[in-house]
Amino acid sequence: MRRSASTASTPGGLTATLTIRNLPEETRRALKARAAEHNRPMEAEVRAILEESLVPAPDFVTNWVNVVVDLEGDFHLPPRSKPREVDLS
C-alpha cells in the first residue's frame, strides 16, 4: 500500500497538507497517467481535481445570462398576449 501526501497553498499563504492512505495502486497509476496528459505533477493534478469537483457549478439562469452577455446581443422576447379568462365557478 502506498501513501500519498499533497500540500496546497491557502489564500492566506498558509499551506495545508492532505495525506491519502490506502490508495489503490490502480488509482495511483490512473492519477499519474492523467497528470502526464495535463503535463503537470501528480500533486498538481490532485489539486486540480479537488478544485474542479468542489467549486459549485453556476445555476442555469446565471449560466444562461453569461451566454447572452458573451454573445453581446439582446434576447428579444415576443410581445405578450392578453391573459386568458379564468372560470372559477
PDB file of N, CA and C in Angstrom:
ATOM      1  N   MET A   1       0.839  -1.174   0.000  1.00  0.00           N
ATOM      2  CA  MET A   1       0.000   0.000   0.000  1.00  0.00           C
ATOM      3  C   MET A   1       0.885   1.238   0.000  1.00  0.00           C
ATOM      4  N   ARG A   2       0.508   2.198  -0.806  1.00  0.00           N
ATOM      5  CA  ARG A   2       1.239   3.451  -0.858  1.00  0.00           C
ATOM      6  C   ARG A   2       0.460   4.509  -0.125  1.00  0.00           C
ATOM      7  N   ARG A   3       1.185   5.486   0.377  1.00  0.00           N
ATOM      8  CA  ARG A   3       0.546   6.646   0.988  1.00  0.00           C
ATOM      9  C   ARG A   3       0.900   7.838   0.139  1.00  0.00           C
ATOM     10  N   SER A   4      -0.064   8.658  -0.139  1.00  0.00           N
ATOM     11  CA  SER A   4       0.171   9.860  -0.920  1.00  0.00           C
ATOM     12  C   SER A   4      -0.095  11.069  -0.047  1.00  0.00           C
ATOM     13  N   ALA A   5       0.718  12.086  -0.203  1.00  0.00           N
ATOM     14  CA  ALA A   5       0.523  13.334   0.534  1.00  0.00           C
ATOM     15  C   ALA A   5       0.522  14.476  -0.454  1.00  0.00           C
ATOM     16  N   SER A   6      -0.264  15.484  -0.179  1.00  0.00           N
ATOM     17  CA  SER A   6      -0.345  16.647  -1.049  1.00  0.00           C
ATOM     18  C   SER A   6      -0.321  17.896  -0.186  1.00  0.00           C
ATOM     19  N   THR A   7       0.428  18.900  -0.625  1.00  0.00           N
ATOM     20  CA  THR A   7       0.491  20.171   0.080  1.00  0.00           C
ATOM     21  C   THR A   7      -0.066  21.238  -0.835  1.00  0.00           C
ATOM     22  N   ALA A   8      -0.924  22.089  -0.310  1.00  0.00           N
ATOM     23  CA  ALA A   8      -1.538  23.142  -1.123  1.00  0.00           C
ATOM     24  C   ALA A   8      -1.485  24.456  -0.375  1.00  0.00           C
ATOM     25  N   SER A   9      -1.340  25.536  -1.124  1.00  0.00           N
ATOM     26  CA  SER A   9      -1.347  26.866  -0.512  1.00  0.00           C
ATOM     27  C   SER A   9      -2.777  27.333  -0.342  1.00  0.00           C
ATOM     28  N   THR A  10      -3.031  28.002   0.763  1.00  0.00           N
ATOM     29  CA  THR A  10      -4.341  28.580   1.006  1.00  0.00           C
ATOM     30  C   THR A  10      -4.273  30.062   0.689  1.00  0.00           C
ATOM     31  N   PRO A  11      -5.418  30.737   0.523  1.00  0.00           N
ATOM     32  CA  PRO A  11      -5.400  32.161   0.179  1.00  0.00           C
ATOM     33  C   PRO A  11      -4.575  33.013   1.135  1.00  0.00           C
ATOM     34  N   GLY A  12      -4.505  32.651   2.395  1.00  0.00           N
ATOM     35  CA  GLY A  12      -3.744  33.430   3.360  1.00  0.00           C
ATOM     36  C   GLY A  12      -2.255  33.144   3.312  1.00  0.00           C
ATOM     37  N   GLY A  13      -1.813  32.288   2.399  1.00  0.00           N
ATOM     38  CA  GLY A  13      -0.411  31.971   2.283  1.00  0.00           C
ATOM     39  C   GLY A  13       0.000  30.768   3.116  1.00  0.00           C
ATOM     40  N   LEU A  14      -0.908  30.235   3.914  1.00  0.00           N
ATOM     41  CA  LEU A  14      -0.612  29.052   4.707  1.00  0.00           C
ATOM     42  C   LEU A  14      -0.707  27.828   3.812  1.00  0.00           C
ATOM     43  N   THR A  15      -0.103  26.749   4.226  1.00  0.00           N
ATOM     44  CA  THR A  15      -0.214  25.533   3.442  1.00  0.00           C
ATOM     45  C   THR A  15      -0.995  24.490   4.218  1.00  0.00           C
ATOM     46  N   ALA A  16      -1.717  23.682   3.483  1.00  0.00           N
ATOM     47  CA  ALA A  16      -2.467  22.580   4.073  1.00  0.00           C
ATOM     48  C   ALA A  16      -1.935  21.294   3.462  1.00  0.00           C
ATOM     49  N   THR A  17      -1.764  20.284   4.271  1.00  0.00           N
ATOM     50  CA  THR A  17      -1.262  19.006   3.792  1.00  0.00           C
ATOM     51  C   THR A  17      -2.360  17.968   3.914  1.00  0.00           C
ATOM     52  N   LEU A  18      -2.515  17.182   2.870  1.00  0.00           N
ATOM     53  CA  LEU A  18      -3.522  16.132   2.836  1.00  0.00           C
ATOM     54  C   LEU A  18      -2.808  14.813   2.587  1.00  0.00           C
ATOM     55  N   THR A  19      -3.034  13.849   3.440  1.00  0.00           N
ATOM     56  CA  THR A  19      -2.454  12.521   3.270  1.00  0.00           C
ATOM     57  C   THR A  19      -3.570  11.563   2.904  1.00  0.00           C
ATOM     58  N   ILE A  20      -3.348  10.794   1.856  1.00  0.00           N
ATOM     59  CA  ILE A  20      -4.342   9.815   1.417  1.00  0.00           C
ATOM     60  C   ILE A  20      -3.761   8.432   1.676  1.00  0.00           C
ATOM     61  N   ARG A  21      -4.384   7.703   2.568  1.00  0.00           N
ATOM     62  CA  ARG A  21      -3.911   6.362   2.913  1.00  0.00           C
ATOM     63  C   ARG A  21      -4.675   5.319   2.103  1.00  0.00           C
ATOM     64  N   ASN A  22      -4.030   4.203   1.916  1.00  0.00           N
ATOM     65  CA  ASN A  22      -4.646   3.036   1.260  1.00  0.00           C
ATOM     66  C   ASN A  22      -5.154   3.348  -0.141  1.00  0.00           C
ATOM     67  N   LEU A  23      -4.433   4.186  -0.861  1.00  0.00           N
ATOM     68  CA  LEU A  23      -4.796   4.494  -2.241  1.00  0.00           C
ATOM     69  C   LEU A  23      -4.461   3.278  -3.098  1.00  0.00           C
ATOM     70  N   PRO A  24      -5.443   2.697  -3.761  1.00  0.00           N
ATOM     71  CA  PRO A  24      -5.162   1.520  -4.583  1.00  0.00           C
ATOM     72  C   PRO A  24      -4.134   1.846  -5.674  1.00  0.00           C
ATOM     73  N   GLU A  25      -3.292   0.875  -5.963  1.00  0.00           N
ATOM     74  CA  GLU A  25      -2.238   1.064  -6.965  1.00  0.00           C
ATOM     75  C   GLU A  25      -2.837   1.443  -8.322  1.00  0.00           C
ATOM     76  N   GLU A  26      -3.958   0.849  -8.665  1.00  0.00           N
ATOM     77  CA  GLU A  26      -4.612   1.161  -9.940  1.00  0.00           C
ATOM     78  C   GLU A  26      -5.019   2.635  -9.990  1.00  0.00           C
ATOM     79  N   THR A  27      -5.519   3.155  -8.881  1.00  0.00           N
ATOM     80  CA  THR A  27      -5.901   4.569  -8.806  1.00  0.00           C
ATOM     81  C   THR A  27      -4.678   5.458  -8.931  1.00  0.00           C
ATOM     82  N   ARG A  28      -3.581   5.073  -8.273  1.00  0.00           N
ATOM     83  CA  ARG A  28      -2.352   5.860  -8.353  1.00  0.00           C
ATOM     84  C   ARG A  28      -1.828   5.900  -9.788  1.00  0.00           C
ATOM     85  N   ARG A  29      -1.881   4.750 -10.468  1.00  0.00           N
ATOM     86  CA  ARG A  29      -1.423   4.708 -11.867  1.00  0.00           C
ATOM     87  C   ARG A  29      -2.302   5.588 -12.755  1.00  0.00           C
ATOM     88  N   ALA A  30      -3.620   5.527 -12.529  1.00  0.00           N
ATOM     89  CA  ALA A  30      -4.536   6.351 -13.324  1.00  0.00           C
ATOM     90  C   ALA A  30      -4.295   7.834 -13.062  1.00  0.00           C
ATOM     91  N   LEU A  31      -4.039   8.185 -11.816  1.00  0.00           N
ATOM     92  CA  LEU A  31      -3.752   9.572 -11.467  1.00  0.00           C
ATOM     93  C   LEU A  31      -2.454  10.035 -12.117  1.00  0.00           C
ATOM     94  N   LYS A  32      -1.454   9.180 -12.098  1.00  0.00           N
ATOM     95  CA  LYS A  32      -0.165   9.507 -12.715  1.00  0.00           C
ATOM     96  C   LYS A  32      -0.330   9.707 -14.223  1.00  0.00           C
ATOM     97  N   ALA A  33      -1.131   8.849 -14.864  1.00  0.00           N
ATOM     98  CA  ALA A  33      -1.373   8.974 -16.304  1.00  0.00           C
ATOM     99  C   ALA A  33      -2.136  10.257 -16.619  1.00  0.00           C
ATOM    100  N   ARG A  34      -3.131  10.562 -15.808  1.00  0.00           N
ATOM    101  CA  ARG A  34      -3.911  11.790 -16.031  1.00  0.00           C
ATOM    102  C   ARG A  34      -3.041  13.025 -15.848  1.00  0.00           C
ATOM    103  N   ALA A  35      -2.175  12.998 -14.848  1.00  0.00           N
ATOM    104  CA  ALA A  35      -1.259  14.118 -14.625  1.00  0.00           C
ATOM    105  C   ALA A  35      -0.328  14.285 -15.822  1.00  0.00           C
ATOM    106  N   ALA A  36       0.154  13.176 -16.361  1.00  0.00           N
ATOM    107  CA  ALA A  36       1.039  13.238 -17.531  1.00  0.00           C
ATOM    108  C   ALA A  36       0.304  13.819 -18.738  1.00  0.00           C
ATOM    109  N   GLU A  37      -0.968  13.465 -18.909  1.00  0.00           N
ATOM    110  CA  GLU A  37      -1.766  14.016 -20.017  1.00  0.00           C
ATOM    111  C   GLU A  37      -1.866  15.533 -19.926  1.00  0.00           C
ATOM    112  N   HIS A  38      -1.908  16.058 -18.701  1.00  0.00           N
ATOM    113  CA  HIS A  38      -2.037  17.503 -18.489  1.00  0.00           C
ATOM    114  C   HIS A  38      -0.689  18.183 -18.254  1.00  0.00           C
ATOM    115  N   ASN A  39       0.394  17.415 -18.425  1.00  0.00           N
ATOM    116  CA  ASN A  39       1.756  17.949 -18.261  1.00  0.00           C
ATOM    117  C   ASN A  39       1.969  18.629 -16.914  1.00  0.00           C
ATOM    118  N   ARG A  40       1.558  17.956 -15.854  1.00  0.00           N
ATOM    119  CA  ARG A  40       1.776  18.501 -14.516  1.00  0.00           C
ATOM    120  C   ARG A  40       2.055  17.357 -13.545  1.00  0.00           C
ATOM    121  N   PRO A  41       2.653  17.677 -12.404  1.00  0.00           N
ATOM    122  CA  PRO A  41       2.921  16.637 -11.405  1.00  0.00           C
ATOM    123  C   PRO A  41       1.623  16.083 -10.814  1.00  0.00           C
ATOM    124  N   MET A  42       1.722  14.907 -10.228  1.00  0.00           N
ATOM    125  CA  MET A  42       0.541  14.286  -9.620  1.00  0.00           C
ATOM    126  C   MET A  42      -0.080  15.184  -8.563  1.00  0.00           C
ATOM    127  N   GLU A  43       0.731  15.847  -7.778  1.00  0.00           N
ATOM    128  CA  GLU A  43       0.210  16.737  -6.735  1.00  0.00           C
ATOM    129  C   GLU A  43      -0.653  17.836  -7.337  1.00  0.00           C
ATOM    130  N   ALA A  44      -0.185  18.431  -8.431  1.00  0.00           N
ATOM    131  CA  ALA A  44      -0.962  19.483  -9.094  1.00  0.00           C
ATOM    132  C   ALA A  44      -2.244  18.907  -9.688  1.00  0.00           C
ATOM    133  N   GLU A  45      -2.169  17.677 -10.177  1.00  0.00           N
ATOM    134  CA  GLU A  45      -3.360  17.030 -10.739  1.00  0.00           C
ATOM    135  C   GLU A  45      -4.402  16.790  -9.650  1.00  0.00           C
ATOM    136  N   VAL A  46      -3.966  16.322  -8.496  1.00  0.00           N
ATOM    137  CA  VAL A  46      -4.888  16.107  -7.370  1.00  0.00           C
ATOM    138  C   VAL A  46      -5.533  17.423  -6.974  1.00  0.00           C
ATOM    139  N   ARG A  47      -4.728  18.485  -6.904  1.00  0.00           N
ATOM    140  CA  ARG A  47      -5.260  19.801  -6.538  1.00  0.00           C
ATOM    141  C   ARG A  47      -6.309  20.245  -7.553  1.00  0.00           C
ATOM    142  N   ALA A  48      -6.024  20.056  -8.846  1.00  0.00           N
ATOM    143  CA  ALA A  48      -6.974  20.457  -9.892  1.00  0.00           C
ATOM    144  C   ALA A  48      -8.268  19.650  -9.796  1.00  0.00           C
ATOM    145  N   ILE A  49      -8.150  18.356  -9.564  1.00  0.00           N
ATOM    146  CA  ILE A  49      -9.345  17.506  -9.444  1.00  0.00           C
ATOM    147  C   ILE A  49     -10.205  17.963  -8.270  1.00  0.00           C
ATOM    148  N   LEU A  50      -9.578  18.235  -7.141  1.00  0.00           N
ATOM    149  CA  LEU A  50     -10.332  18.693  -5.969  1.00  0.00           C
ATOM    150  C   LEU A  50     -10.998  20.038  -6.228  1.00  0.00           C
ATOM    151  N   GLU A  51     -10.255  20.976  -6.808  1.00  0.00           N
ATOM    152  CA  GLU A  51     -10.822  22.301  -7.064  1.00  0.00           C
ATOM    153  C   GLU A  51     -11.984  22.221  -8.041  1.00  0.00           C
ATOM    154  N   GLU A  52     -11.833  21.432  -9.122  1.00  0.00           N
ATOM    155  CA  GLU A  52     -12.902  21.305 -10.119  1.00  0.00           C
ATOM    156  C   GLU A  52     -14.144  20.647  -9.532  1.00  0.00           C
ATOM    157  N   SER A  53     -13.949  19.669  -8.671  1.00  0.00           N
ATOM    158  CA  SER A  53     -15.106  18.946  -8.144  1.00  0.00           C
ATOM    159  C   SER A  53     -15.788  19.673  -6.991  1.00  0.00           C
ATOM    160  N   LEU A  54     -15.094  20.590  -6.339  1.00  0.00           N
ATOM    161  CA  LEU A  54     -15.671  21.258  -5.177  1.00  0.00           C
ATOM    162  C   LEU A  54     -16.200  22.652  -5.456  1.00  0.00           C
ATOM    163  N   VAL A  55     -15.854  23.225  -6.601  1.00  0.00           N
ATOM    164  CA  VAL A  55     -16.376  24.545  -6.953  1.00  0.00           C
ATOM    165  C   VAL A  55     -17.802  24.348  -7.447  1.00  0.00           C
ATOM    166  N   PRO A  56     -18.773  25.020  -6.846  1.00  0.00           N
ATOM    167  CA  PRO A  56     -20.157  24.818  -7.273  1.00  0.00           C
ATOM    168  C   PRO A  56     -20.373  25.300  -8.707  1.00  0.00           C
ATOM    169  N   ALA A  57     -21.131  24.515  -9.446  1.00  0.00           N
ATOM    170  CA  ALA A  57     -21.464  24.890 -10.818  1.00  0.00           C
ATOM    171  C   ALA A  57     -22.466  26.036 -10.785  1.00  0.00           C
ATOM    172  N   PRO A  58     -22.360  26.963 -11.735  1.00  0.00           N
ATOM    173  CA  PRO A  58     -23.332  28.059 -11.750  1.00  0.00           C
ATOM    174  C   PRO A  58     -24.728  27.520 -12.054  1.00  0.00           C
ATOM    175  N   ASP A  59     -25.716  28.165 -11.501  1.00  0.00           N
ATOM    176  CA  ASP A  59     -27.078  27.721 -11.756  1.00  0.00           C
ATOM    177  C   ASP A  59     -27.457  28.034 -13.203  1.00  0.00           C
ATOM    178  N   PHE A  60     -28.531  27.449 -13.668  1.00  0.00           N
ATOM    179  CA  PHE A  60     -28.934  27.573 -15.063  1.00  0.00           C
ATOM    180  C   PHE A  60     -29.115  29.022 -15.487  1.00  0.00           C
ATOM    181  N   VAL A  61     -29.805  29.818 -14.679  1.00  0.00           N
ATOM    182  CA  VAL A  61     -30.091  31.211 -15.050  1.00  0.00           C
ATOM    183  C   VAL A  61     -28.798  32.006 -15.170  1.00  0.00           C
ATOM    184  N   THR A  62     -27.896  31.853 -14.213  1.00  0.00           N
ATOM    185  CA  THR A  62     -26.620  32.564 -14.270  1.00  0.00           C
ATOM    186  C   THR A  62     -25.853  32.158 -15.516  1.00  0.00           C
ATOM    187  N   ASN A  63     -25.819  30.876 -15.795  1.00  0.00           N
ATOM    188  CA  ASN A  63     -25.124  30.385 -16.984  1.00  0.00           C
ATOM    189  C   ASN A  63     -25.757  30.953 -18.249  1.00  0.00           C
ATOM    190  N   TRP A  64     -27.070  30.978 -18.316  1.00  0.00           N
ATOM    191  CA  TRP A  64     -27.784  31.479 -19.479  1.00  0.00           C
ATOM    192  C   TRP A  64     -27.500  32.967 -19.678  1.00  0.00           C
ATOM    193  N   VAL A  65     -27.541  33.741 -18.608  1.00  0.00           N
ATOM    194  CA  VAL A  65     -27.241  35.173 -18.692  1.00  0.00           C
ATOM    195  C   VAL A  65     -25.819  35.378 -19.192  1.00  0.00           C
ATOM    196  N   ASN A  66     -24.878  34.593 -18.694  1.00  0.00           N
ATOM    197  CA  ASN A  66     -23.494  34.711 -19.149  1.00  0.00           C
ATOM    198  C   ASN A  66     -23.363  34.412 -20.634  1.00  0.00           C
ATOM    199  N   VAL A  67     -24.116  33.440 -21.133  1.00  0.00           N
ATOM    200  CA  VAL A  67     -24.080  33.120 -22.564  1.00  0.00           C
ATOM    201  C   VAL A  67     -24.596  34.299 -23.373  1.00  0.00           C
ATOM    202  N   VAL A  68     -25.716  34.880 -22.967  1.00  0.00           N
ATOM    203  CA  VAL A  68     -26.293  36.018 -23.690  1.00  0.00           C
ATOM    204  C   VAL A  68     -25.335  37.203 -23.658  1.00  0.00           C
ATOM    205  N   VAL A  69     -24.741  37.474 -22.511  1.00  0.00           N
ATOM    206  CA  VAL A  69     -23.792  38.584 -22.391  1.00  0.00           C
ATOM    207  C   VAL A  69     -22.586  38.332 -23.286  1.00  0.00           C
ATOM    208  N   ASP A  70     -22.098  37.094 -23.309  1.00  0.00           N
ATOM    209  CA  ASP A  70     -20.945  36.761 -24.144  1.00  0.00           C
ATOM    210  C   ASP A  70     -21.243  36.958 -25.627  1.00  0.00           C
ATOM    211  N   LEU A  71     -22.494  36.788 -26.017  1.00  0.00           N
ATOM    212  CA  LEU A  71     -22.876  36.983 -27.419  1.00  0.00           C
ATOM    213  C   LEU A  71     -23.012  38.458 -27.765  1.00  0.00           C
ATOM    214  N   GLU A  72     -22.951  39.306 -26.759  1.00  0.00           N
ATOM    215  CA  GLU A  72     -23.081  40.756 -26.927  1.00  0.00           C
ATOM    216  C   GLU A  72     -24.352  41.122 -27.683  1.00  0.00           C
ATOM    217  N   GLY A  73     -25.403  40.443 -27.380  1.00  0.00           N
ATOM    218  CA  GLY A  73     -26.663  40.721 -28.044  1.00  0.00           C
ATOM    219  C   GLY A  73     -27.794  40.774 -27.048  1.00  0.00           C
ATOM    220  N   ASP A  74     -28.926  41.166 -27.533  1.00  0.00           N
ATOM    221  CA  ASP A  74     -30.105  41.208 -26.688  1.00  0.00           C
ATOM    222  C   ASP A  74     -30.938  39.968 -26.949  1.00  0.00           C
ATOM    223  N   PHE A  75     -31.636  39.563 -25.951  1.00  0.00           N
ATOM    224  CA  PHE A  75     -32.560  38.452 -26.092  1.00  0.00           C
ATOM    225  C   PHE A  75     -33.943  39.054 -26.244  1.00  0.00           C
ATOM    226  N   HIS A  76     -34.490  38.961 -27.436  1.00  0.00           N
ATOM    227  CA  HIS A  76     -35.778  39.594 -27.721  1.00  0.00           C
ATOM    228  C   HIS A  76     -36.919  38.634 -27.396  1.00  0.00           C
ATOM    229  N   LEU A  77     -37.801  39.095 -26.557  1.00  0.00           N
ATOM    230  CA  LEU A  77     -38.985  38.319 -26.216  1.00  0.00           C
ATOM    231  C   LEU A  77     -40.147  38.789 -27.075  1.00  0.00           C
ATOM    232  N   PRO A  78     -40.984  37.874 -27.529  1.00  0.00           N
ATOM    233  CA  PRO A  78     -42.143  38.291 -28.319  1.00  0.00           C
ATOM    234  C   PRO A  78     -43.112  39.070 -27.442  1.00  0.00           C
ATOM    235  N   PRO A  79     -43.943  39.898 -28.046  1.00  0.00           N
ATOM    236  CA  PRO A  79     -44.918  40.646 -27.246  1.00  0.00           C
ATOM    237  C   PRO A  79     -45.835  39.676 -26.504  1.00  0.00           C
ATOM    238  N   ARG A  80     -46.211  40.078 -25.328  1.00  0.00           N
ATOM    239  CA  ARG A  80     -47.082  39.227 -24.524  1.00  0.00           C
ATOM    240  C   ARG A  80     -48.507  39.296 -25.046  1.00  0.00           C
ATOM    241  N   SER A  81     -49.184  38.184 -24.968  1.00  0.00           N
ATOM    242  CA  SER A  81     -50.590  38.161 -25.369  1.00  0.00           C
ATOM    243  C   SER A  81     -51.442  38.533 -24.157  1.00  0.00           C
ATOM    244  N   LYS A  82     -52.702  38.826 -24.434  1.00  0.00           N
ATOM    245  CA  LYS A  82     -53.614  39.164 -23.345  1.00  0.00           C
ATOM    246  C   LYS A  82     -53.852  37.917 -22.502  1.00  0.00           C
ATOM    247  N   PRO A  83     -54.054  38.106 -21.217  1.00  0.00           N
ATOM    248  CA  PRO A  83     -54.288  36.939 -20.354  1.00  0.00           C
ATOM    249  C   PRO A  83     -55.596  36.239 -20.713  1.00  0.00           C
ATOM    250  N   ARG A  84     -55.615  34.949 -20.483  1.00  0.00           N
ATOM    251  CA  ARG A  84     -56.829  34.174 -20.723  1.00  0.00           C
ATOM    252  C   ARG A  84     -57.803  34.405 -19.583  1.00  0.00           C
ATOM    253  N   GLU A  85     -59.062  34.308 -19.905  1.00  0.00           N
ATOM    254  CA  GLU A  85     -60.074  34.412 -18.858  1.00  0.00           C
ATOM    255  C   GLU A  85     -60.116  33.093 -18.099  1.00  0.00           C
ATOM    256  N   VAL A  86     -60.335  33.199 -16.808  1.00  0.00           N
ATOM    257  CA  VAL A  86     -60.377  32.006 -15.969  1.00  0.00           C
ATOM    258  C   VAL A  86     -61.771  31.883 -15.375  1.00  0.00           C
ATOM    259  N   ASP A  87     -62.325  30.698 -15.470  1.00  0.00           N
ATOM    260  CA  ASP A  87     -63.641  30.441 -14.892  1.00  0.00           C
ATOM    261  C   ASP A  87     -63.433  29.776 -13.535  1.00  0.00           C
ATOM    262  N   LEU A  88     -63.723  30.492 -12.460  1.00  0.00           N
ATOM    263  CA  LEU A  88     -63.537  29.970 -11.112  1.00  0.00           C
ATOM    264  C   LEU A  88     -64.839  29.470 -10.490  1.00  0.00           C
ATOM    265  N   SER A  89     -65.854  29.247 -11.315  1.00  0.00           N
ATOM    266  CA  SER A  89     -67.136  28.801 -10.751  1.00  0.00           C
ATOM    267  C   SER A  89     -67.133  27.328 -10.439  1.00  0.00           C
TER     268      SER A  89
END
